[in-house]
N, C-alpha and C. Protein backbone atom coordinates (compact mmCIF):
# COMPACT_ATOMS: atom_id res chain seq x y z
N UNK A 1 3.24 46.32 -11.49
CA UNK A 1 4.68 46.25 -12.14
C UNK A 1 4.70 44.97 -12.95
N UNK A 2 5.20 45.20 -14.19
CA UNK A 2 5.40 44.00 -15.26
C UNK A 2 6.80 43.81 -15.55
N UNK A 3 7.22 42.54 -15.27
CA UNK A 3 8.51 42.28 -15.50
C UNK A 3 8.63 41.36 -16.76
N UNK A 4 9.25 41.80 -17.77
CA UNK A 4 9.41 41.02 -19.06
C UNK A 4 10.93 40.72 -19.15
N UNK A 5 11.30 39.76 -18.73
CA UNK A 5 12.79 39.26 -18.81
C UNK A 5 13.08 38.72 -20.25
N UNK A 6 14.11 38.87 -20.92
CA UNK A 6 14.44 38.34 -22.08
C UNK A 6 14.48 36.79 -21.87
N UNK A 7 14.06 35.93 -22.98
CA UNK A 7 14.35 34.49 -22.80
C UNK A 7 15.89 34.22 -22.62
N UNK A 8 16.09 33.23 -21.84
CA UNK A 8 17.61 32.88 -21.61
C UNK A 8 17.72 31.34 -21.34
N UNK A 9 18.46 30.81 -22.06
CA UNK A 9 18.59 29.25 -21.92
C UNK A 9 19.54 29.02 -20.81
N UNK A 10 19.16 28.24 -19.86
CA UNK A 10 19.82 27.90 -18.63
C UNK A 10 20.72 26.68 -19.07
N UNK A 11 21.59 26.40 -17.93
CA UNK A 11 22.60 25.15 -18.09
C UNK A 11 21.98 24.04 -17.48
N UNK A 12 20.87 24.24 -16.84
CA UNK A 12 20.22 22.94 -16.16
C UNK A 12 20.68 22.76 -14.66
N UNK A 13 19.74 22.24 -13.96
CA UNK A 13 20.14 22.05 -12.46
C UNK A 13 20.60 20.65 -12.21
N UNK A 14 20.47 19.81 -13.28
CA UNK A 14 20.89 18.34 -13.06
C UNK A 14 22.24 18.26 -12.67
N UNK A 15 23.15 19.01 -13.22
CA UNK A 15 24.49 19.05 -13.25
C UNK A 15 25.16 19.36 -11.58
N UNK A 16 24.11 19.94 -10.91
CA UNK A 16 24.33 20.44 -9.40
C UNK A 16 23.78 19.34 -8.59
N UNK A 17 22.79 18.32 -9.09
CA UNK A 17 22.12 17.50 -8.25
C UNK A 17 22.66 16.00 -8.61
N UNK A 18 23.81 15.73 -8.85
CA UNK A 18 24.28 14.47 -9.23
C UNK A 18 23.90 13.39 -8.10
N UNK A 19 23.68 13.76 -6.88
CA UNK A 19 23.56 12.92 -6.04
C UNK A 19 21.96 12.52 -5.86
N UNK A 20 21.27 13.14 -6.67
CA UNK A 20 19.76 13.05 -6.67
C UNK A 20 19.16 11.96 -7.67
N UNK A 21 18.04 11.48 -7.48
CA UNK A 21 17.44 10.68 -8.51
C UNK A 21 16.81 11.32 -9.62
N UNK A 22 16.60 10.71 -10.71
CA UNK A 22 15.98 11.45 -11.96
C UNK A 22 14.57 12.05 -11.54
N UNK A 23 13.90 11.28 -10.78
CA UNK A 23 12.60 11.72 -10.31
C UNK A 23 12.66 13.09 -9.55
N UNK A 24 13.73 13.19 -8.69
CA UNK A 24 14.00 14.46 -7.94
C UNK A 24 14.21 15.65 -8.80
N UNK A 25 15.26 15.27 -9.83
CA UNK A 25 15.67 16.40 -10.60
C UNK A 25 14.36 16.79 -11.72
N UNK A 26 13.49 15.81 -11.98
CA UNK A 26 12.42 16.12 -12.82
C UNK A 26 11.45 16.96 -12.24
N UNK A 27 11.13 16.74 -10.94
CA UNK A 27 10.07 17.50 -9.97
C UNK A 27 10.66 18.92 -9.77
N UNK A 28 12.10 19.00 -9.50
CA UNK A 28 12.59 20.35 -9.13
C UNK A 28 12.54 21.09 -10.48
N UNK A 29 12.70 20.67 -11.77
CA UNK A 29 12.66 21.28 -12.99
C UNK A 29 11.33 21.69 -13.36
N UNK A 30 10.41 20.86 -13.00
CA UNK A 30 8.96 21.41 -13.17
C UNK A 30 8.38 22.30 -12.25
N UNK A 31 9.08 22.27 -10.99
CA UNK A 31 8.56 23.42 -10.10
C UNK A 31 9.31 24.68 -10.37
N UNK A 32 10.47 24.80 -11.07
CA UNK A 32 11.23 25.94 -11.39
C UNK A 32 10.93 26.52 -12.65
N UNK A 33 9.79 26.14 -13.26
CA UNK A 33 9.41 26.93 -14.57
C UNK A 33 9.04 28.21 -14.34
N UNK A 34 9.49 29.19 -14.88
CA UNK A 34 9.10 30.62 -14.48
C UNK A 34 7.69 30.97 -14.84
N UNK A 35 7.15 30.55 -15.90
CA UNK A 35 5.65 31.01 -16.45
C UNK A 35 4.86 29.97 -15.66
N UNK A 36 3.90 30.64 -14.70
CA UNK A 36 3.05 29.86 -13.99
C UNK A 36 2.03 29.02 -14.72
N UNK A 37 1.79 29.44 -16.04
CA UNK A 37 0.80 28.68 -16.84
C UNK A 37 1.48 27.39 -17.36
N UNK A 38 2.79 27.32 -17.23
CA UNK A 38 3.45 26.11 -17.62
C UNK A 38 4.09 25.38 -16.48
N UNK A 39 4.05 25.94 -15.34
CA UNK A 39 4.76 25.28 -14.25
C UNK A 39 3.65 24.36 -13.63
N UNK A 40 4.20 23.24 -12.98
CA UNK A 40 3.48 22.26 -12.23
C UNK A 40 2.77 22.87 -10.98
N UNK A 41 1.46 22.56 -10.82
CA UNK A 41 0.77 23.00 -9.57
C UNK A 41 1.13 22.15 -8.38
N UNK A 42 0.88 22.72 -7.27
CA UNK A 42 1.08 21.93 -6.04
C UNK A 42 0.29 20.44 -5.87
N UNK A 43 -0.73 20.49 -6.50
CA UNK A 43 -1.45 19.12 -6.50
C UNK A 43 -0.67 18.32 -7.35
N UNK A 44 -0.57 18.84 -8.70
CA UNK A 44 0.40 17.82 -9.60
C UNK A 44 1.60 17.49 -9.09
N UNK A 45 2.35 18.20 -8.36
CA UNK A 45 3.65 18.05 -7.73
C UNK A 45 3.40 16.81 -6.78
N UNK A 46 2.39 16.77 -5.93
CA UNK A 46 2.28 15.70 -5.04
C UNK A 46 1.89 14.49 -5.62
N UNK A 47 1.32 14.47 -6.90
CA UNK A 47 1.16 13.20 -7.62
C UNK A 47 2.28 12.74 -8.46
N UNK A 48 3.46 13.60 -8.30
CA UNK A 48 4.70 13.23 -9.03
C UNK A 48 5.28 11.86 -8.64
N UNK A 49 5.89 11.17 -9.38
CA UNK A 49 6.51 9.74 -8.95
C UNK A 49 7.51 9.99 -7.71
N UNK A 50 8.11 11.11 -7.63
CA UNK A 50 9.08 11.45 -6.49
C UNK A 50 8.26 11.07 -5.15
N UNK A 51 7.03 11.23 -5.06
CA UNK A 51 6.39 11.02 -3.77
C UNK A 51 5.69 9.55 -3.78
N UNK A 52 6.01 8.66 -4.68
CA UNK A 52 5.46 7.32 -4.63
C UNK A 52 5.90 6.49 -3.48
N UNK A 53 6.95 6.64 -2.91
CA UNK A 53 7.42 5.91 -1.76
C UNK A 53 6.58 6.42 -0.54
N UNK A 54 6.44 7.75 -0.49
CA UNK A 54 5.69 8.36 0.71
C UNK A 54 4.21 7.78 0.68
N UNK A 55 3.55 7.82 -0.64
CA UNK A 55 2.37 7.27 -0.81
C UNK A 55 2.08 5.87 -0.41
N UNK A 56 3.11 5.26 -0.72
CA UNK A 56 3.12 3.72 -0.34
C UNK A 56 3.32 3.55 0.98
N UNK A 57 4.16 4.17 1.64
CA UNK A 57 4.09 4.24 3.19
C UNK A 57 2.97 4.40 3.89
N UNK A 58 2.33 5.61 3.39
CA UNK A 58 0.97 6.18 4.07
C UNK A 58 0.01 5.08 3.84
N UNK A 59 -0.17 4.49 2.70
CA UNK A 59 -1.24 3.45 2.39
C UNK A 59 -0.99 2.30 3.43
N UNK A 60 0.24 1.91 3.72
CA UNK A 60 0.46 0.59 4.63
C UNK A 60 0.39 0.90 5.98
N UNK A 61 0.66 2.21 6.37
CA UNK A 61 0.73 2.66 7.72
C UNK A 61 -0.40 3.66 8.10
N UNK A 62 -1.42 3.76 7.45
CA UNK A 62 -2.44 4.80 7.48
C UNK A 62 -3.14 4.62 8.86
N UNK A 63 -3.26 3.51 9.39
CA UNK A 63 -4.04 3.42 10.74
C UNK A 63 -3.02 3.66 11.91
N UNK A 64 -1.79 3.62 11.59
CA UNK A 64 -0.75 3.88 12.78
C UNK A 64 -0.46 5.31 12.76
N UNK A 65 -0.02 5.84 14.05
CA UNK A 65 0.36 7.18 14.13
C UNK A 65 1.75 7.44 13.74
N UNK A 66 2.09 7.36 12.48
CA UNK A 66 3.43 7.64 12.01
C UNK A 66 3.49 9.21 11.64
N UNK A 67 4.67 9.76 12.20
CA UNK A 67 4.89 11.17 11.84
C UNK A 67 5.30 11.36 10.52
N UNK A 68 5.32 12.76 10.08
CA UNK A 68 5.70 13.09 8.77
C UNK A 68 7.20 12.88 8.62
N UNK A 69 7.96 13.30 9.76
CA UNK A 69 9.34 13.10 9.83
C UNK A 69 9.78 11.75 9.40
N UNK A 70 9.12 10.75 10.20
CA UNK A 70 9.38 9.33 9.94
C UNK A 70 9.11 8.93 8.57
N UNK A 71 8.06 9.51 7.79
CA UNK A 71 7.73 9.25 6.54
C UNK A 71 8.83 9.65 5.51
N UNK A 72 9.44 10.78 5.84
CA UNK A 72 10.55 11.30 5.10
C UNK A 72 11.69 10.41 5.36
N UNK A 73 11.96 9.97 6.55
CA UNK A 73 13.12 8.95 6.56
C UNK A 73 12.84 7.81 6.04
N UNK A 74 11.67 7.32 5.89
CA UNK A 74 11.42 6.01 5.25
C UNK A 74 11.56 6.17 3.66
N UNK A 75 11.15 7.48 3.33
CA UNK A 75 11.42 7.71 1.81
C UNK A 75 12.95 7.72 1.42
N UNK A 76 13.68 8.40 2.46
CA UNK A 76 15.13 8.35 2.09
C UNK A 76 15.67 6.85 1.98
N UNK A 77 15.20 6.09 3.02
CA UNK A 77 15.65 4.72 2.91
C UNK A 77 15.19 4.01 1.74
N UNK A 78 13.97 4.21 1.24
CA UNK A 78 13.45 3.56 0.01
C UNK A 78 14.21 3.96 -1.09
N UNK A 79 14.59 5.38 -1.33
CA UNK A 79 15.50 5.81 -2.45
C UNK A 79 16.73 5.20 -2.38
N UNK A 80 17.49 5.11 -1.31
CA UNK A 80 18.69 4.49 -1.19
C UNK A 80 18.71 3.07 -1.74
N UNK A 81 17.76 2.39 -1.17
CA UNK A 81 17.66 0.91 -1.64
C UNK A 81 17.28 0.68 -3.22
N UNK A 82 16.60 1.67 -3.66
CA UNK A 82 16.08 1.51 -5.06
C UNK A 82 16.82 2.70 -5.90
N UNK A 83 17.99 2.97 -5.62
CA UNK A 83 18.78 4.00 -6.45
C UNK A 83 18.91 3.74 -7.81
N UNK A 84 18.60 4.63 -8.76
CA UNK A 84 18.60 4.33 -10.18
C UNK A 84 20.07 4.18 -10.69
């Protein structure tokens, strides 16, 4: 089944995400591109600057048994302290 929707210009998601950082909005925009040839891959998404804080925490706490939930909490704290 082939779906060929006509091109349509959107209004942008940023106006709905005013509480989010520009990195967050950029990542979401890249993930929501309809054409898979132009959409960011999962591997590329994980290298996006949005995840810099998580990578930093993982590097510094690699040997400890820190949970993923704790990493997300630390990321939120990091973003709040470094809000753009």
